[in-house]
Structure formats: structure tokens, C-alpha cells
Amino acid sequence: MSFATQVKAELAAVRPALPCCRKAQAYGMAQGGHAFGYAGISLQTESAAIAALYAELLQQVCGCGPLVRQPPAGVRGFHLVTADPADHRRIFDTFGHTGREVSLRLNRANLECEQCAAAYLRGLFLSCGTVTSPERGYHLEFCVPYYNLSRDLPPLFAECGLHVRTVRRKGDYVLYFKESEQIEDCLTFMGAVGATLELMNVKMVKDIRNKTNRVINCENANIGKTAAAAAAQLAAVRHIIQATGGLDALPPELREVARLRQDNPDMSLRELGEALDPPVSRSGVYHRIHRILAFAQEV
């Protein structure tokens, strides 16, 4: 089951307790459906649970008769249509629309109590929403075909503490979230708490994985730098031996460091300092190595 399917299954199982919230959810599903106008009212979905919920809410809220289920040509799922013109009239009257609007708008009169906004957005998401699996990225969207409705929705989201973005795509208007925190808030607000917890868990695992990779990459880079520096130091010591016949030309404190480096090419500067007698700090070893490199350039 995809993450989007899981989210919709969780939301479809939510049944608003208050009649006004049931009306708001039915309104959201109808407005976000395949068609909502004088020519017809329908919803297309692959989910049997969403199809059953849509029919149930329209019958409870609007007094509609049974909806006709027409399988869309070449598409899996359900296509629910109100075939009776009298049902069209009941739906439009219930939601305060004429069915002849040039461009559909949000009728705020259908959002009566504080919980109605969540119910409406839940219904809208069930009809025209989708969400990407957090394993692949963070994206939640509502795809609506009506310009004025797309303009009416952002203020509603803002009143709910959600800041949605809008873009036009292939003739439709897409309202979307890209930030994981906003997606979590939207899912929780609509009632998909289980999906929110899963998203947060996936995000936490990804964050730990990313931090681990950064640490490993940093350590690998440091190892590479240490190896390159040690190779240059070994080359300098060999050059001094070849040019002078040994290390006796070096001052005693440099001679000891040069021999240690020659015998221990993998040691870090700190480890070299600890191996000296008496021990020397990493900074002290660095300065002695620097003098050895300078001496090698002069001979």
C-alpha cells in the first residue's frame, strides 16, 4: 500500500460526529470530485472506502438516492454519478450553489463550527489530494480545476495555521506543501495522525542516516588529508637521506621526529607527539615537521 493510499484510508475511516461537520466533509468531497456543476456531479476514485463514504455522506446530508457507479473506461476504480436531476438540485440547494456558476467558489456558509474547516479539507483531500511517500520526498497537494476556488482556499488554509503554495499545472490549480513540518500539520489537522507519526519516524531515520553519512564523509576526508600529508613528509625524509647520506644533518629534535615518521607512516601528528620522549604537543610536532620539509627543500 502506497503512503498516499494509506493516508486516504485513514481519513476515509474518520466519521465526523457533528451534522455540520458531516455536511462540510460532504461539501469538500463534492467540490473536489470529478465534476460539480449543472452538467453533472460525480467523483472518480480507486478506493472503495472513499466511494462508499461519498455515497453515504450525500445520502445523509443531501437526501440523495443511490448513486450510479460507472466504471471509467480503461481506468480502475469507481465513478459515482448522481443520475437523478432532482438529486442535483438537492445537492446544490444544500450547499448554496446554483450549479450554473461560471467558476466554482467556496461557500463559507457550509463551514459552521470550528471543526468544519478540518472536515471540509479532509473531504477535499479524499477527492483531489495526494501525498508523496516521505521516503522519496516531501510533497502534499490538492488539485482543483476551478480558478476562483483555488483563490478562496489559501485564506482558509492560513486560518488553520497552514501556509499553502499555488501553481497552475495542465489547466488545473494545484495547492501544495513542500515543507515536512507543514505536511505533518496538514495531515494532523485533517485527522491522519497515524500517517503523521509515520512521516515523522521516516524523517527521523533519514536525518540520522544523513548525519551518519556526513560524519563518515568528514572522517574519510580527514583520513585522506592525513595520508597525503604523511606521504609528503615521508618523501621529504627520504630526500634528506639520499641528499645527505642519512638524518644526521638534522638537529636532534628534528631527527627524532623524522625517524618516527619513517617508521610509522600511518601515525597522526598527535600520535607522533605522544611517541616522543618527552612527549610533544600536536602543535609542536607540526612545527618540527614544517622545519623538516623546509630543510628538505634546501638540500
Protein backbone atom coordinates (compact mmCIF):
# COMPACT_ATOMS: atom_id res chain seq x y z
CA MET A 1 0.00 0.00 0.00
CA SER A 2 1.41 3.38 -1.01
CA PHE A 3 1.73 6.16 1.56
CA ALA A 4 -0.96 8.21 -0.24
CA THR A 5 -3.34 5.23 -0.19
CA GLN A 6 -2.60 4.70 3.49
CA VAL A 7 -3.35 8.35 4.28
CA LYS A 8 -6.64 8.27 2.37
CA ALA A 9 -7.67 5.01 4.05
CA GLU A 10 -7.07 6.60 7.45
CA LEU A 11 -9.02 9.74 6.52
CA ALA A 12 -11.87 7.78 4.96
CA ALA A 13 -12.35 5.99 8.29
CA VAL A 14 -12.98 9.30 10.10
CA ARG A 15 -16.69 9.95 10.71
CA PRO A 16 -17.49 13.48 11.92
CA ALA A 17 -19.71 13.48 14.97
CA LEU A 18 -21.49 16.77 14.31
CA PRO A 19 -24.04 17.15 11.47
CA CYS A 20 -22.43 20.42 10.35
CA CYS A 21 -19.04 18.68 10.04
CA ARG A 22 -20.58 15.83 8.04
CA LYS A 23 -22.02 18.47 5.73
CA ALA A 24 -18.63 20.21 5.45
CA GLN A 25 -16.88 16.93 4.60
CA ALA A 26 -19.51 16.06 2.01
CA TYR A 27 -19.08 19.55 0.55
CA GLY A 28 -15.31 19.09 0.28
CA MET A 29 -15.67 15.72 -1.43
CA ALA A 30 -18.25 17.09 -3.87
CA GLN A 31 -16.24 20.20 -4.76
CA GLY A 32 -13.04 18.22 -5.25
CA GLY A 33 -14.75 15.49 -7.24
CA HIS A 34 -14.61 14.73 -10.94
CA ALA A 35 -17.46 17.17 -11.68
CA PHE A 36 -19.58 19.62 -9.71
CA GLY A 37 -21.87 21.61 -11.96
CA TYR A 38 -25.18 21.75 -13.76
CA ALA A 39 -23.99 19.16 -16.30
CA GLY A 40 -23.37 16.62 -13.58
CA ILE A 41 -21.98 15.79 -10.16
CA SER A 42 -19.55 12.89 -9.87
CA LEU A 43 -16.50 11.55 -8.12
CA GLN A 44 -13.84 9.24 -9.50
CA THR A 45 -11.67 7.19 -7.15
CA GLU A 46 -9.79 3.90 -6.93
CA SER A 47 -10.78 3.47 -3.28
CA ALA A 48 -13.88 1.50 -2.37
CA ALA A 49 -13.86 3.14 1.08
CA ILE A 50 -13.87 6.66 -0.43
CA ALA A 51 -16.60 5.72 -2.90
CA ALA A 52 -18.76 4.33 -0.07
CA LEU A 53 -18.13 7.39 2.10
CA TYR A 54 -19.05 9.79 -0.73
CA ALA A 55 -22.34 7.99 -1.38
CA GLU A 56 -23.08 7.76 2.35
CA LEU A 57 -22.48 11.45 3.03
CA LEU A 58 -24.51 12.71 0.05
CA GLN A 59 -27.40 10.49 1.09
CA GLN A 60 -27.20 11.63 4.75
CA VAL A 61 -26.59 15.32 4.12
CA CYS A 62 -28.47 15.99 0.89
CA GLY A 63 -31.08 13.21 0.88
CA CYS A 64 -29.84 11.81 -2.43
CA GLY A 65 -30.89 8.46 -3.74
CA PRO A 66 -28.38 5.70 -4.57
CA LEU A 67 -25.56 6.89 -6.81
CA VAL A 68 -24.84 5.22 -10.13
CA ARG A 69 -21.44 3.53 -10.20
CA GLN A 70 -19.99 3.70 -13.68
CA PRO A 71 -16.52 2.17 -14.12
CA PRO A 72 -14.44 4.71 -16.10
CA ALA A 73 -13.25 3.40 -19.45
CA GLY A 74 -9.76 1.97 -19.16
CA VAL A 75 -9.40 3.10 -15.53
CA ARG A 76 -9.53 1.00 -12.40
CA GLY A 77 -11.81 2.15 -9.63
CA PHE A 78 -15.19 3.76 -9.16
CA HIS A 79 -17.04 6.56 -10.93
CA LEU A 80 -20.01 7.67 -8.83
CA VAL A 81 -22.62 9.79 -10.61
CA THR A 82 -25.85 11.42 -9.43
CA ALA A 83 -28.13 10.40 -12.27
CA ASP A 84 -31.36 11.94 -10.97
CA PRO A 85 -31.71 15.69 -11.81
CA ALA A 86 -33.68 16.07 -8.59
CA ASP A 87 -30.57 14.93 -6.68
CA HIS A 88 -28.55 17.61 -8.44
CA ARG A 89 -31.00 20.21 -7.22
CA ARG A 90 -30.90 18.86 -3.65
CA ILE A 91 -27.09 18.95 -3.60
CA PHE A 92 -26.88 22.48 -4.95
CA ASP A 93 -29.60 23.71 -2.58
CA THR A 94 -27.89 22.05 0.39
CA PHE A 95 -24.52 23.64 -0.34
CA GLY A 96 -25.85 27.00 -1.50
CA HIS A 97 -24.88 26.76 -5.17
CA THR A 98 -26.86 27.15 -8.37
CA GLY A 99 -24.87 24.69 -10.44
CA ARG A 100 -24.56 27.34 -13.14
CA GLU A 101 -21.57 29.24 -11.68
CA VAL A 102 -19.00 30.21 -14.31
CA SER A 103 -16.25 29.32 -11.85
CA LEU A 104 -16.91 27.46 -8.62
CA ARG A 105 -16.17 29.23 -5.33
CA LEU A 106 -16.02 28.23 -1.69
CA ASN A 107 -19.28 28.90 0.16
CA ARG A 108 -18.18 29.70 3.71
CA ALA A 109 -21.73 29.19 4.98
CA ASN A 110 -21.04 25.43 4.83
CA LEU A 111 -18.31 25.78 7.49
CA GLU A 112 -20.42 26.38 10.58
CA CYS A 113 -18.26 25.36 13.56
CA GLU A 114 -14.54 25.35 14.40
CA GLN A 115 -14.16 21.71 13.31
CA CYS A 116 -15.85 22.20 9.93
CA ALA A 117 -12.69 23.50 8.23
CA ALA A 118 -10.85 20.27 9.07
CA ALA A 119 -13.79 18.20 7.84
CA TYR A 120 -14.00 20.20 4.60
CA LEU A 121 -10.27 19.88 3.86
CA ARG A 122 -10.44 16.17 4.70
CA GLY A 123 -13.20 15.70 2.15
CA LEU A 124 -11.35 17.81 -0.41
CA PHE A 125 -8.17 15.77 0.05
CA LEU A 126 -10.08 12.49 -0.34
CA SER A 127 -11.40 13.73 -3.68
CA CYS A 128 -8.47 15.58 -5.22
CA GLY A 129 -5.47 15.28 -2.93
CA THR A 130 -2.33 13.19 -2.87
CA VAL A 131 0.87 12.96 -0.85
CA THR A 132 4.33 11.65 -1.72
CA SER A 133 5.96 8.90 0.32
CA PRO A 134 8.36 10.55 2.80
CA GLU A 135 10.97 8.01 1.72
CA ARG A 136 11.12 9.80 -1.66
CA GLY A 137 10.48 13.40 -0.63
CA TYR A 138 8.03 15.80 0.95
CA HIS A 139 5.05 16.90 -1.13
CA LEU A 140 1.31 17.11 -0.40
CA GLU A 141 -1.14 18.68 -2.82
CA PHE A 142 -4.76 19.42 -3.66
CA CYS A 143 -5.50 19.60 -7.39
CA VAL A 144 -8.65 21.66 -8.14
CA PRO A 145 -9.97 22.59 -11.60
CA TYR A 146 -11.60 25.89 -10.59
CA TYR A 147 -9.68 29.18 -10.55
CA ASN A 148 -11.85 31.02 -8.02
CA LEU A 149 -11.88 28.04 -5.68
CA SER A 150 -8.08 27.93 -5.86
CA ARG A 151 -8.10 31.61 -4.81
CA ASP A 152 -10.57 31.04 -1.94
CA LEU A 153 -8.68 28.12 -0.39
CA PRO A 154 -5.34 29.70 0.67
CA PRO A 155 -7.04 32.09 3.17
CA LEU A 156 -8.87 29.08 4.65
CA PHE A 157 -5.58 27.19 5.00
CA ALA A 158 -3.99 30.28 6.58
CA GLU A 159 -6.78 30.48 9.17
CA CYS A 160 -5.91 26.88 10.07
CA GLY A 161 -2.21 27.74 10.50
CA LEU A 162 -1.22 26.22 7.16
CA HIS A 163 0.63 28.22 4.51
CA VAL A 164 -0.07 26.65 1.14
CA ARG A 165 1.54 27.49 -2.21
CA THR A 166 -0.31 27.59 -5.54
CA VAL A 167 0.79 26.71 -9.06
CA ARG A 168 -1.03 26.01 -12.32
CA ARG A 169 -0.46 22.62 -13.93
CA LYS A 170 -2.06 21.42 -17.18
CA GLY A 171 -5.17 23.55 -16.75
CA ASP A 172 -5.65 22.68 -13.08
CA TYR A 173 -4.76 24.69 -10.00
CA VAL A 174 -2.51 22.90 -7.53
CA LEU A 175 -2.26 23.93 -3.88
CA TYR A 176 0.74 22.24 -2.30
CA PHE A 177 3.11 21.94 0.65
CA LYS A 178 6.82 21.10 0.33
CA GLU A 179 7.96 21.52 3.94
CA SER A 180 7.74 18.37 6.05
CA GLU A 181 6.50 20.31 9.11
CA GLN A 182 3.63 21.84 7.12
CA ILE A 183 2.70 18.42 5.72
CA GLU A 184 2.71 16.98 9.24
CA ASP A 185 0.48 19.82 10.45
CA CYS A 186 -1.91 19.41 7.49
CA LEU A 187 -2.22 15.63 7.94
CA THR A 188 -2.80 16.02 11.67
CA PHE A 189 -5.36 18.79 11.12
CA MET A 190 -7.32 16.62 8.67
CA GLY A 191 -7.24 13.65 11.07
CA ALA A 192 -4.46 11.42 9.69
CA VAL A 193 -2.49 11.23 12.94
CA GLY A 194 -1.12 7.76 12.18
CA ALA A 195 0.29 8.96 8.86
CA THR A 196 1.83 11.97 10.59
CA LEU A 197 3.63 9.71 13.08
CA GLU A 198 4.93 7.53 10.24
CA LEU A 199 6.17 10.59 8.35
CA MET A 200 7.94 11.87 11.47
CA ASN A 201 9.53 8.46 12.04
CA VAL A 202 10.79 8.24 8.45
CA LYS A 203 12.12 11.80 8.68
CA MET A 204 13.96 10.96 11.92
CA VAL A 205 15.57 7.87 10.37
CA LYS A 206 16.58 9.90 7.28
CA ASP A 207 18.05 12.60 9.50
CA ILE A 208 20.12 10.07 11.47
CA ARG A 209 21.26 8.45 8.22
CA ASN A 210 22.26 11.83 6.75
CA LYS A 211 24.16 12.83 9.89
CA THR A 212 25.97 9.47 9.91
CA ASN A 213 26.91 9.88 6.25
CA ARG A 214 28.22 13.39 6.93
CA VAL A 215 30.37 12.11 9.80
CA ILE A 216 31.71 9.25 7.68
CA ASN A 217 32.45 11.58 4.77
CA CYS A 218 34.20 14.00 7.09
CA GLU A 219 36.28 11.21 8.63
CA ASN A 220 37.17 9.86 5.20
CA ALA A 221 38.22 13.33 4.08
CA ASN A 222 40.38 13.75 7.19
CA ILE A 223 41.95 10.34 6.65
CA GLY A 224 42.71 11.29 3.07
CA LYS A 225 44.33 14.57 4.15
CA THR A 226 46.35 12.80 6.84
CA ALA A 227 47.56 10.18 4.37
CA ALA A 228 48.52 12.81 1.79
CA ALA A 229 50.39 14.85 4.41
CA ALA A 230 52.20 11.75 5.73
CA ALA A 231 53.23 10.80 2.18
CA ALA A 232 54.73 14.25 1.62
CA GLN A 233 56.58 14.04 4.93
CA LEU A 234 57.98 10.58 4.09
CA ALA A 235 59.12 11.86 0.71
CA ALA A 236 60.94 14.75 2.43
CA VAL A 237 62.68 12.38 4.89
CA ARG A 238 63.80 10.07 2.04
CA HIS A 239 65.09 13.06 0.09
CA ILE A 240 67.16 14.22 3.08
CA ILE A 241 68.61 10.70 3.50
CA GLN A 242 69.52 10.49 -0.19
CA ALA A 243 70.94 14.02 -0.30
CA THR A 244 72.96 13.93 2.92
CA GLY A 245 73.56 10.21 3.44
CA GLY A 246 71.34 9.99 6.49
CA LEU A 247 69.48 12.05 9.05
CA ASP A 248 72.50 13.29 11.00
CA ALA A 249 72.34 16.63 9.20
CA LEU A 250 69.09 17.37 11.04
CA PRO A 251 69.08 18.89 14.54
CA PRO A 252 68.44 16.22 17.23
CA GLU A 253 64.81 17.23 17.88
CA LEU A 254 64.02 17.05 14.13
CA ARG A 255 65.97 13.84 13.67
CA GLU A 256 63.77 12.04 16.24
CA VAL A 257 60.57 13.17 14.53
CA ALA A 258 61.92 12.21 11.09
CA ARG A 259 62.80 8.70 12.27
CA LEU A 260 59.41 8.27 13.92
CA ARG A 261 57.67 9.35 10.73
CA GLN A 262 59.82 7.00 8.65
CA ASP A 263 58.98 4.05 10.93
CA ASN A 264 55.28 4.99 11.41
CA PRO A 265 53.82 6.39 8.16
CA ASP A 266 50.23 5.99 9.41
CA MET A 267 50.61 7.90 12.66
CA SER A 268 48.80 11.21 13.13
CA LEU A 269 50.70 14.25 14.39
CA ARG A 270 49.17 13.78 17.83
CA GLU A 271 50.29 10.14 17.95
CA LEU A 272 53.79 11.14 16.82
CA GLY A 273 53.94 13.69 19.63
CA GLU A 274 52.86 11.11 22.21
CA ALA A 275 55.55 8.70 20.98
CA LEU A 276 58.37 11.24 21.50
CA ASP A 277 60.43 11.25 24.68
CA PRO A 278 59.47 13.54 26.29
CA PRO A 279 56.02 13.83 24.63
CA VAL A 280 55.33 16.89 22.49
CA SER A 281 52.02 18.53 21.66
CA ARG A 282 50.43 18.19 18.22
CA SER A 283 51.31 21.83 17.53
CA GLY A 284 54.93 21.19 18.49
CA VAL A 285 55.15 18.20 16.15
CA TYR A 286 53.58 20.27 13.35
CA HIS A 287 56.28 22.93 13.67
CA ARG A 288 59.06 20.32 13.68
CA ILE A 289 57.58 18.66 10.58
CA HIS A 290 57.38 22.06 8.91
CA ARG A 291 61.11 22.60 9.60
CA ILE A 292 61.91 19.15 8.18
CA LEU A 293 60.01 19.98 4.98
CA ALA A 294 61.82 23.31 4.71
CA PHE A 295 65.20 21.57 5.25
CA ALA A 296 64.39 19.02 2.52
CA GLN A 297 63.76 21.86 0.05
CA GLU A 298 67.17 23.40 0.81
CA VAL A 299 69.30 20.26 0.37
